[in-house]
Amino acid sequence: MELCQVLNTSHRTLQYCFRQICQATPMQFFLSLRLAEARRRLKLAPQQSITTLALDLGFASSSHFSSLYKRLYAEQPSLINRRS
């Protein structure tokens, strides 16, 4: 990992420090950023396709995206479309 080399630390140490500061693994943190971006985009353009949005943000499928979104925000991403 390039960041570990720059910081002159091991992958495990970097992961441990990241978790101490952010209360999440780097992967969990990155996932939460992607989901937050999805929520922002849905609020800006509620008519957009959930499938297109999910694929644009790097999710393998819209169903996988929707289940992760619902777990984090306690609502389906399609509900934003209906509210606006």
PDB file of N, CA and C in Angstrom:
ATOM      1  N   MET A   1       0.846  -1.172   0.000  1.00  0.00           N
ATOM      2  CA  MET A   1       0.000   0.000   0.000  1.00  0.00           C
ATOM      3  C   MET A   1       0.900   1.245   0.000  1.00  0.00           C
ATOM      4  N   GLU A   2       0.643   2.121  -0.920  1.00  0.00           N
ATOM      5  CA  GLU A   2       1.475   3.314  -1.097  1.00  0.00           C
ATOM      6  C   GLU A   2       1.452   4.227   0.125  1.00  0.00           C
ATOM      7  N   LEU A   3       0.303   4.395   0.722  1.00  0.00           N
ATOM      8  CA  LEU A   3       0.190   5.257   1.894  1.00  0.00           C
ATOM      9  C   LEU A   3       1.048   4.733   3.050  1.00  0.00           C
ATOM     10  N   CYS A   4       1.069   3.427   3.230  1.00  0.00           N
ATOM     11  CA  CYS A   4       1.895   2.829   4.289  1.00  0.00           C
ATOM     12  C   CYS A   4       3.365   3.139   4.050  1.00  0.00           C
ATOM     13  N   GLN A   5       3.781   3.093   2.810  1.00  0.00           N
ATOM     14  CA  GLN A   5       5.175   3.401   2.489  1.00  0.00           C
ATOM     15  C   GLN A   5       5.491   4.857   2.798  1.00  0.00           C
ATOM     16  N   VAL A   6       4.601   5.746   2.409  1.00  0.00           N
ATOM     17  CA  VAL A   6       4.809   7.171   2.660  1.00  0.00           C
ATOM     18  C   VAL A   6       4.882   7.455   4.152  1.00  0.00           C
ATOM     19  N   LEU A   7       4.038   6.795   4.921  1.00  0.00           N
ATOM     20  CA  LEU A   7       3.997   7.007   6.366  1.00  0.00           C
ATOM     21  C   LEU A   7       5.003   6.142   7.121  1.00  0.00           C
ATOM     22  N   ASN A   8       5.664   5.270   6.396  1.00  0.00           N
ATOM     23  CA  ASN A   8       6.651   4.367   6.967  1.00  0.00           C
ATOM     24  C   ASN A   8       6.053   3.549   8.115  1.00  0.00           C
ATOM     25  N   THR A   9       4.921   2.912   7.811  1.00  0.00           N
ATOM     26  CA  THR A   9       4.227   2.095   8.805  1.00  0.00           C
ATOM     27  C   THR A   9       3.657   0.859   8.129  1.00  0.00           C
ATOM     28  N   SER A  10       3.239  -0.088   8.916  1.00  0.00           N
ATOM     29  CA  SER A  10       2.650  -1.311   8.359  1.00  0.00           C
ATOM     30  C   SER A  10       1.168  -1.089   8.037  1.00  0.00           C
ATOM     31  N   HIS A  11       0.667  -1.962   7.212  1.00  0.00           N
ATOM     32  CA  HIS A  11      -0.754  -1.913   6.842  1.00  0.00           C
ATOM     33  C   HIS A  11      -1.632  -2.053   8.089  1.00  0.00           C
ATOM     34  N   ARG A  12      -1.276  -2.987   8.950  1.00  0.00           N
ATOM     35  CA  ARG A  12      -2.056  -3.234  10.161  1.00  0.00           C
ATOM     36  C   ARG A  12      -2.041  -2.041  11.118  1.00  0.00           C
ATOM     37  N   THR A  13      -0.890  -1.414  11.271  1.00  0.00           N
ATOM     38  CA  THR A  13      -0.795  -0.240  12.147  1.00  0.00           C
ATOM     39  C   THR A  13      -1.638   0.906  11.606  1.00  0.00           C
ATOM     40  N   LEU A  14      -1.578   1.116  10.312  1.00  0.00           N
ATOM     41  CA  LEU A  14      -2.388   2.169   9.694  1.00  0.00           C
ATOM     42  C   LEU A  14      -3.871   1.886   9.896  1.00  0.00           C
ATOM     43  N   GLN A  15      -4.262   0.635   9.688  1.00  0.00           N
ATOM     44  CA  GLN A  15      -5.661   0.253   9.864  1.00  0.00           C
ATOM     45  C   GLN A  15      -6.100   0.456  11.322  1.00  0.00           C
ATOM     46  N   TYR A  16      -5.267   0.072  12.266  1.00  0.00           N
ATOM     47  CA  TYR A  16      -5.574   0.234  13.687  1.00  0.00           C
ATOM     48  C   TYR A  16      -5.747   1.712  14.037  1.00  0.00           C
ATOM     49  N   CYS A  17      -4.816   2.552  13.597  1.00  0.00           N
ATOM     50  CA  CYS A  17      -4.893   3.994  13.890  1.00  0.00           C
ATOM     51  C   CYS A  17      -6.125   4.619  13.247  1.00  0.00           C
ATOM     52  N   PHE A  18      -6.419   4.204  12.028  1.00  0.00           N
ATOM     53  CA  PHE A  18      -7.598   4.720  11.326  1.00  0.00           C
ATOM     54  C   PHE A  18      -8.860   4.378  12.115  1.00  0.00           C
ATOM     55  N   ARG A  19      -8.933   3.137  12.566  1.00  0.00           N
ATOM     56  CA  ARG A  19     -10.106   2.695  13.327  1.00  0.00           C
ATOM     57  C   ARG A  19     -10.227   3.442  14.655  1.00  0.00           C
ATOM     58  N   GLN A  20      -9.124   3.733  15.306  1.00  0.00           N
ATOM     59  CA  GLN A  20      -9.134   4.479  16.558  1.00  0.00           C
ATOM     60  C   GLN A  20      -9.693   5.892  16.363  1.00  0.00           C
ATOM     61  N   ILE A  21      -9.345   6.509  15.259  1.00  0.00           N
ATOM     62  CA  ILE A  21      -9.763   7.887  14.998  1.00  0.00           C
ATOM     63  C   ILE A  21     -11.172   7.964  14.412  1.00  0.00           C
ATOM     64  N   CYS A  22     -11.462   7.093  13.455  1.00  0.00           N
ATOM     65  CA  CYS A  22     -12.735   7.180  12.713  1.00  0.00           C
ATOM     66  C   CYS A  22     -13.808   6.209  13.177  1.00  0.00           C
ATOM     67  N   GLN A  23     -13.481   5.334  14.123  1.00  0.00           N
ATOM     68  CA  GLN A  23     -14.407   4.309  14.597  1.00  0.00           C
ATOM     69  C   GLN A  23     -14.949   3.443  13.458  1.00  0.00           C
ATOM     70  N   ALA A  24     -14.141   3.241  12.442  1.00  0.00           N
ATOM     71  CA  ALA A  24     -14.512   2.396  11.311  1.00  0.00           C
ATOM     72  C   ALA A  24     -13.241   1.963  10.589  1.00  0.00           C
ATOM     73  N   THR A  25     -13.341   0.854   9.881  1.00  0.00           N
ATOM     74  CA  THR A  25     -12.208   0.457   9.058  1.00  0.00           C
ATOM     75  C   THR A  25     -12.144   1.395   7.854  1.00  0.00           C
ATOM     76  N   PRO A  26     -11.017   1.442   7.173  1.00  0.00           N
ATOM     77  CA  PRO A  26     -10.950   2.276   5.967  1.00  0.00           C
ATOM     78  C   PRO A  26     -12.032   1.907   4.942  1.00  0.00           C
ATOM     79  N   MET A  27     -12.309   0.621   4.782  1.00  0.00           N
ATOM     80  CA  MET A  27     -13.343   0.197   3.831  1.00  0.00           C
ATOM     81  C   MET A  27     -14.737   0.670   4.260  1.00  0.00           C
ATOM     82  N   GLN A  28     -15.036   0.568   5.540  1.00  0.00           N
ATOM     83  CA  GLN A  28     -16.333   1.035   6.039  1.00  0.00           C
ATOM     84  C   GLN A  28     -16.467   2.545   5.858  1.00  0.00           C
ATOM     85  N   PHE A  29     -15.392   3.251   6.126  1.00  0.00           N
ATOM     86  CA  PHE A  29     -15.395   4.705   5.974  1.00  0.00           C
ATOM     87  C   PHE A  29     -15.618   5.092   4.513  1.00  0.00           C
ATOM     88  N   PHE A  30     -14.908   4.424   3.610  1.00  0.00           N
ATOM     89  CA  PHE A  30     -15.051   4.706   2.185  1.00  0.00           C
ATOM     90  C   PHE A  30     -16.467   4.385   1.711  1.00  0.00           C
ATOM     91  N   LEU A  31     -17.031   3.288   2.197  1.00  0.00           N
ATOM     92  CA  LEU A  31     -18.403   2.929   1.845  1.00  0.00           C
ATOM     93  C   LEU A  31     -19.374   4.005   2.320  1.00  0.00           C
ATOM     94  N   SER A  32     -19.180   4.503   3.525  1.00  0.00           N
ATOM     95  CA  SER A  32     -20.078   5.547   4.040  1.00  0.00           C
ATOM     96  C   SER A  32     -19.966   6.827   3.210  1.00  0.00           C
ATOM     97  N   LEU A  33     -18.769   7.137   2.710  1.00  0.00           N
ATOM     98  CA  LEU A  33     -18.615   8.296   1.822  1.00  0.00           C
ATOM     99  C   LEU A  33     -19.378   8.102   0.515  1.00  0.00           C
ATOM    100  N   ARG A  34     -19.298   6.905  -0.055  1.00  0.00           N
ATOM    101  CA  ARG A  34     -20.013   6.613  -1.301  1.00  0.00           C
ATOM    102  C   ARG A  34     -21.526   6.691  -1.103  1.00  0.00           C
ATOM    103  N   LEU A  35     -21.998   6.178   0.022  1.00  0.00           N
ATOM    104  CA  LEU A  35     -23.437   6.233   0.308  1.00  0.00           C
ATOM    105  C   LEU A  35     -23.897   7.664   0.576  1.00  0.00           C
ATOM    106  N   ALA A  36     -23.074   8.447   1.231  1.00  0.00           N
ATOM    107  CA  ALA A  36     -23.411   9.858   1.459  1.00  0.00           C
ATOM    108  C   ALA A  36     -23.482  10.606   0.131  1.00  0.00           C
ATOM    109  N   GLU A  37     -22.582  10.295  -0.781  1.00  0.00           N
ATOM    110  CA  GLU A  37     -22.617  10.915  -2.109  1.00  0.00           C
ATOM    111  C   GLU A  37     -23.884  10.495  -2.853  1.00  0.00           C
ATOM    112  N   ALA A  38     -24.276   9.250  -2.718  1.00  0.00           N
ATOM    113  CA  ALA A  38     -25.513   8.784  -3.343  1.00  0.00           C
ATOM    114  C   ALA A  38     -26.709   9.556  -2.793  1.00  0.00           C
ATOM    115  N   ARG A  39     -26.756   9.728  -1.495  1.00  0.00           N
ATOM    116  CA  ARG A  39     -27.860  10.465  -0.861  1.00  0.00           C
ATOM    117  C   ARG A  39     -27.896  11.915  -1.350  1.00  0.00           C
ATOM    118  N   ARG A  40     -26.719  12.525  -1.442  1.00  0.00           N
ATOM    119  CA  ARG A  40     -26.638  13.901  -1.938  1.00  0.00           C
ATOM    120  C   ARG A  40     -27.163  13.998  -3.372  1.00  0.00           C
ATOM    121  N   ARG A  41     -26.742  13.066  -4.210  1.00  0.00           N
ATOM    122  CA  ARG A  41     -27.187  13.078  -5.617  1.00  0.00           C
ATOM    123  C   ARG A  41     -28.678  12.817  -5.745  1.00  0.00           C
ATOM    124  N   LEU A  42     -29.203  11.922  -4.920  1.00  0.00           N
ATOM    125  CA  LEU A  42     -30.640  11.636  -4.966  1.00  0.00           C
ATOM    126  C   LEU A  42     -31.468  12.849  -4.559  1.00  0.00           C
ATOM    127  N   LYS A  43     -30.970  13.601  -3.614  1.00  0.00           N
ATOM    128  CA  LYS A  43     -31.694  14.799  -3.190  1.00  0.00           C
ATOM    129  C   LYS A  43     -31.626  15.897  -4.244  1.00  0.00           C
ATOM    130  N   LEU A  44     -30.502  15.961  -4.967  1.00  0.00           N
ATOM    131  CA  LEU A  44     -30.356  16.969  -6.013  1.00  0.00           C
ATOM    132  C   LEU A  44     -31.174  16.641  -7.256  1.00  0.00           C
ATOM    133  N   ALA A  45     -31.223  15.367  -7.593  1.00  0.00           N
ATOM    134  CA  ALA A  45     -31.929  14.927  -8.803  1.00  0.00           C
ATOM    135  C   ALA A  45     -32.718  13.658  -8.489  1.00  0.00           C
ATOM    136  N   PRO A  46     -33.853  13.792  -7.807  1.00  0.00           N
ATOM    137  CA  PRO A  46     -34.602  12.620  -7.353  1.00  0.00           C
ATOM    138  C   PRO A  46     -35.158  11.747  -8.477  1.00  0.00           C
ATOM    139  N   GLN A  47     -35.221  12.260  -9.679  1.00  0.00           N
ATOM    140  CA  GLN A  47     -35.768  11.488 -10.789  1.00  0.00           C
ATOM    141  C   GLN A  47     -34.755  10.525 -11.410  1.00  0.00           C
ATOM    142  N   GLN A  48     -33.488  10.622 -11.030  1.00  0.00           N
ATOM    143  CA  GLN A  48     -32.470   9.783 -11.655  1.00  0.00           C
ATOM    144  C   GLN A  48     -32.639   8.313 -11.299  1.00  0.00           C
ATOM    145  N   SER A  49     -32.154   7.468 -12.166  1.00  0.00           N
ATOM    146  CA  SER A  49     -32.245   6.026 -12.009  1.00  0.00           C
ATOM    147  C   SER A  49     -31.356   5.550 -10.861  1.00  0.00           C
ATOM    148  N   ILE A  50     -31.927   4.729  -9.993  1.00  0.00           N
ATOM    149  CA  ILE A  50     -31.175   4.158  -8.880  1.00  0.00           C
ATOM    150  C   ILE A  50     -30.069   3.253  -9.427  1.00  0.00           C
ATOM    151  N   THR A  51     -30.375   2.502 -10.458  1.00  0.00           N
ATOM    152  CA  THR A  51     -29.386   1.607 -11.059  1.00  0.00           C
ATOM    153  C   THR A  51     -28.200   2.381 -11.608  1.00  0.00           C
ATOM    154  N   THR A  52     -28.463   3.439 -12.339  1.00  0.00           N
ATOM    155  CA  THR A  52     -27.388   4.255 -12.909  1.00  0.00           C
ATOM    156  C   THR A  52     -26.544   4.872 -11.803  1.00  0.00           C
ATOM    157  N   LEU A  53     -27.191   5.386 -10.796  1.00  0.00           N
ATOM    158  CA  LEU A  53     -26.486   5.992  -9.668  1.00  0.00           C
ATOM    159  C   LEU A  53     -25.594   4.960  -8.975  1.00  0.00           C
ATOM    160  N   ALA A  54     -26.142   3.796  -8.711  1.00  0.00           N
ATOM    161  CA  ALA A  54     -25.385   2.740  -8.033  1.00  0.00           C
ATOM    162  C   ALA A  54     -24.152   2.351  -8.843  1.00  0.00           C
ATOM    163  N   LEU A  55     -24.315   2.172 -10.133  1.00  0.00           N
ATOM    164  CA  LEU A  55     -23.184   1.792 -10.977  1.00  0.00           C
ATOM    165  C   LEU A  55     -22.171   2.918 -11.087  1.00  0.00           C
ATOM    166  N   ASP A  56     -22.634   4.155 -11.157  1.00  0.00           N
ATOM    167  CA  ASP A  56     -21.724   5.314 -11.207  1.00  0.00           C
ATOM    168  C   ASP A  56     -20.841   5.398  -9.963  1.00  0.00           C
ATOM    169  N   LEU A  57     -21.384   4.974  -8.830  1.00  0.00           N
ATOM    170  CA  LEU A  57     -20.638   5.057  -7.573  1.00  0.00           C
ATOM    171  C   LEU A  57     -19.876   3.770  -7.260  1.00  0.00           C
ATOM    172  N   GLY A  58     -19.856   2.846  -8.211  1.00  0.00           N
ATOM    173  CA  GLY A  58     -19.019   1.655  -8.075  1.00  0.00           C
ATOM    174  C   GLY A  58     -19.643   0.463  -7.378  1.00  0.00           C
ATOM    175  N   PHE A  59     -20.956   0.459  -7.210  1.00  0.00           N
ATOM    176  CA  PHE A  59     -21.618  -0.694  -6.617  1.00  0.00           C
ATOM    177  C   PHE A  59     -21.863  -1.732  -7.705  1.00  0.00           C
ATOM    178  N   ALA A  60     -21.794  -3.001  -7.337  1.00  0.00           N
ATOM    179  CA  ALA A  60     -21.926  -4.091  -8.303  1.00  0.00           C
ATOM    180  C   ALA A  60     -23.341  -4.192  -8.872  1.00  0.00           C
ATOM    181  N   SER A  61     -24.325  -3.835  -8.069  1.00  0.00           N
ATOM    182  CA  SER A  61     -25.714  -3.909  -8.528  1.00  0.00           C
ATOM    183  C   SER A  61     -26.568  -2.923  -7.744  1.00  0.00           C
ATOM    184  N   SER A  62     -27.720  -2.615  -8.301  1.00  0.00           N
ATOM    185  CA  SER A  62     -28.610  -1.687  -7.603  1.00  0.00           C
ATOM    186  C   SER A  62     -29.216  -2.332  -6.354  1.00  0.00           C
ATOM    187  N   SER A  63     -29.414  -3.646  -6.375  1.00  0.00           N
ATOM    188  CA  SER A  63     -29.971  -4.301  -5.187  1.00  0.00           C
ATOM    189  C   SER A  63     -28.965  -4.289  -4.031  1.00  0.00           C
ATOM    190  N   HIS A  64     -27.704  -4.504  -4.344  1.00  0.00           N
ATOM    191  CA  HIS A  64     -26.661  -4.430  -3.307  1.00  0.00           C
ATOM    192  C   HIS A  64     -26.574  -3.006  -2.758  1.00  0.00           C
ATOM    193  N   PHE A  65     -26.564  -2.037  -3.642  1.00  0.00           N
ATOM    194  CA  PHE A  65     -26.550  -0.635  -3.237  1.00  0.00           C
ATOM    195  C   PHE A  65     -27.747  -0.324  -2.342  1.00  0.00           C
ATOM    196  N   SER A  66     -28.934  -0.731  -2.765  1.00  0.00           N
ATOM    197  CA  SER A  66     -30.154  -0.426  -2.006  1.00  0.00           C
ATOM    198  C   SER A  66     -30.129  -1.028  -0.609  1.00  0.00           C
ATOM    199  N   SER A  67     -29.625  -2.250  -0.494  1.00  0.00           N
ATOM    200  CA  SER A  67     -29.587  -2.874   0.838  1.00  0.00           C
ATOM    201  C   SER A  67     -28.590  -2.162   1.754  1.00  0.00           C
ATOM    202  N   LEU A  68     -27.441  -1.752   1.226  1.00  0.00           N
ATOM    203  CA  LEU A  68     -26.472  -1.005   2.026  1.00  0.00           C
ATOM    204  C   LEU A  68     -27.015   0.368   2.408  1.00  0.00           C
ATOM    205  N   TYR A  69     -27.680   1.025   1.463  1.00  0.00           N
ATOM    206  CA  TYR A  69     -28.273   2.340   1.695  1.00  0.00           C
ATOM    207  C   TYR A  69     -29.333   2.244   2.802  1.00  0.00           C
ATOM    208  N   LYS A  70     -30.181   1.229   2.702  1.00  0.00           N
ATOM    209  CA  LYS A  70     -31.246   1.060   3.697  1.00  0.00           C
ATOM    210  C   LYS A  70     -30.661   0.774   5.078  1.00  0.00           C
ATOM    211  N   ARG A  71     -29.588  -0.006   5.125  1.00  0.00           N
ATOM    212  CA  ARG A  71     -28.953  -0.306   6.408  1.00  0.00           C
ATOM    213  C   ARG A  71     -28.409   0.961   7.064  1.00  0.00           C
ATOM    214  N   LEU A  72     -27.848   1.865   6.271  1.00  0.00           N
ATOM    215  CA  LEU A  72     -27.267   3.084   6.828  1.00  0.00           C
ATOM    216  C   LEU A  72     -28.313   4.156   7.137  1.00  0.00           C
ATOM    217  N   TYR A  73     -29.263   4.349   6.217  1.00  0.00           N
ATOM    218  CA  TYR A  73     -30.222   5.462   6.357  1.00  0.00           C
ATOM    219  C   TYR A  73     -31.632   5.043   6.789  1.00  0.00           C
ATOM    220  N   ALA A  74     -31.860   3.757   6.959  1.00  0.00           N
ATOM    221  CA  ALA A  74     -33.163   3.228   7.404  1.00  0.00           C
ATOM    222  C   ALA A  74     -34.306   3.597   6.468  1.00  0.00           C
ATOM    223  N   GLU A  75     -33.993   3.717   5.194  1.00  0.00           N
ATOM    224  CA  GLU A  75     -35.017   3.925   4.170  1.00  0.00           C
ATOM    225  C   GLU A  75     -34.459   3.496   2.821  1.00  0.00           C
ATOM    226  N   GLN A  76     -35.354   3.125   1.943  1.00  0.00           N
ATOM    227  CA  GLN A  76     -34.938   2.741   0.588  1.00  0.00           C
ATOM    228  C   GLN A  76     -34.545   3.995  -0.188  1.00  0.00           C
ATOM    229  N   PRO A  77     -33.531   3.925  -1.047  1.00  0.00           N
ATOM    230  CA  PRO A  77     -33.162   5.103  -1.820  1.00  0.00           C
ATOM    231  C   PRO A  77     -34.289   5.586  -2.726  1.00  0.00           C
ATOM    232  N   SER A  78     -35.143   4.702  -3.141  1.00  0.00           N
ATOM    233  CA  SER A  78     -36.258   5.097  -4.022  1.00  0.00           C
ATOM    234  C   SER A  78     -37.273   5.978  -3.310  1.00  0.00           C
ATOM    235  N   LEU A  79     -37.301   5.971  -1.971  1.00  0.00           N
ATOM    236  CA  LEU A  79     -38.241   6.823  -1.239  1.00  0.00           C
ATOM    237  C   LEU A  79     -37.923   8.301  -1.416  1.00  0.00           C
ATOM    238  N   ILE A  80     -36.680   8.630  -1.617  1.00  0.00           N
ATOM    239  CA  ILE A  80     -36.308  10.034  -1.871  1.00  0.00           C
ATOM    240  C   ILE A  80     -36.964  10.497  -3.153  1.00  0.00           C
ATOM    241  N   ASN A  81     -37.046   9.621  -4.148  1.00  0.00           N
ATOM    242  CA  ASN A  81     -37.698   9.954  -5.414  1.00  0.00           C
ATOM    243  C   ASN A  81     -39.165  10.304  -5.206  1.00  0.00           C
ATOM    244  N   ARG A  82     -39.843   9.584  -4.333  1.00  0.00           N
ATOM    245  CA  ARG A  82     -41.274   9.812  -4.123  1.00  0.00           C
ATOM    246  C   ARG A  82     -41.570  11.041  -3.275  1.00  0.00           C
ATOM    247  N   ARG A  83     -40.640  11.388  -2.380  1.00  0.00           N
ATOM    248  CA  ARG A  83     -40.870  12.525  -1.482  1.00  0.00           C
ATOM    249  C   ARG A  83     -40.707  13.859  -2.179  1.00  0.00           C
ATOM    250  N   SER A  84     -39.880  13.905  -3.199  1.00  0.00           N
ATOM    251  CA  SER A  84     -39.565  15.196  -3.830  1.00  0.00           C
ATOM    252  C   SER A  84     -40.592  15.590  -4.852  1.00  0.00           C
TER     253      SER A  84
END
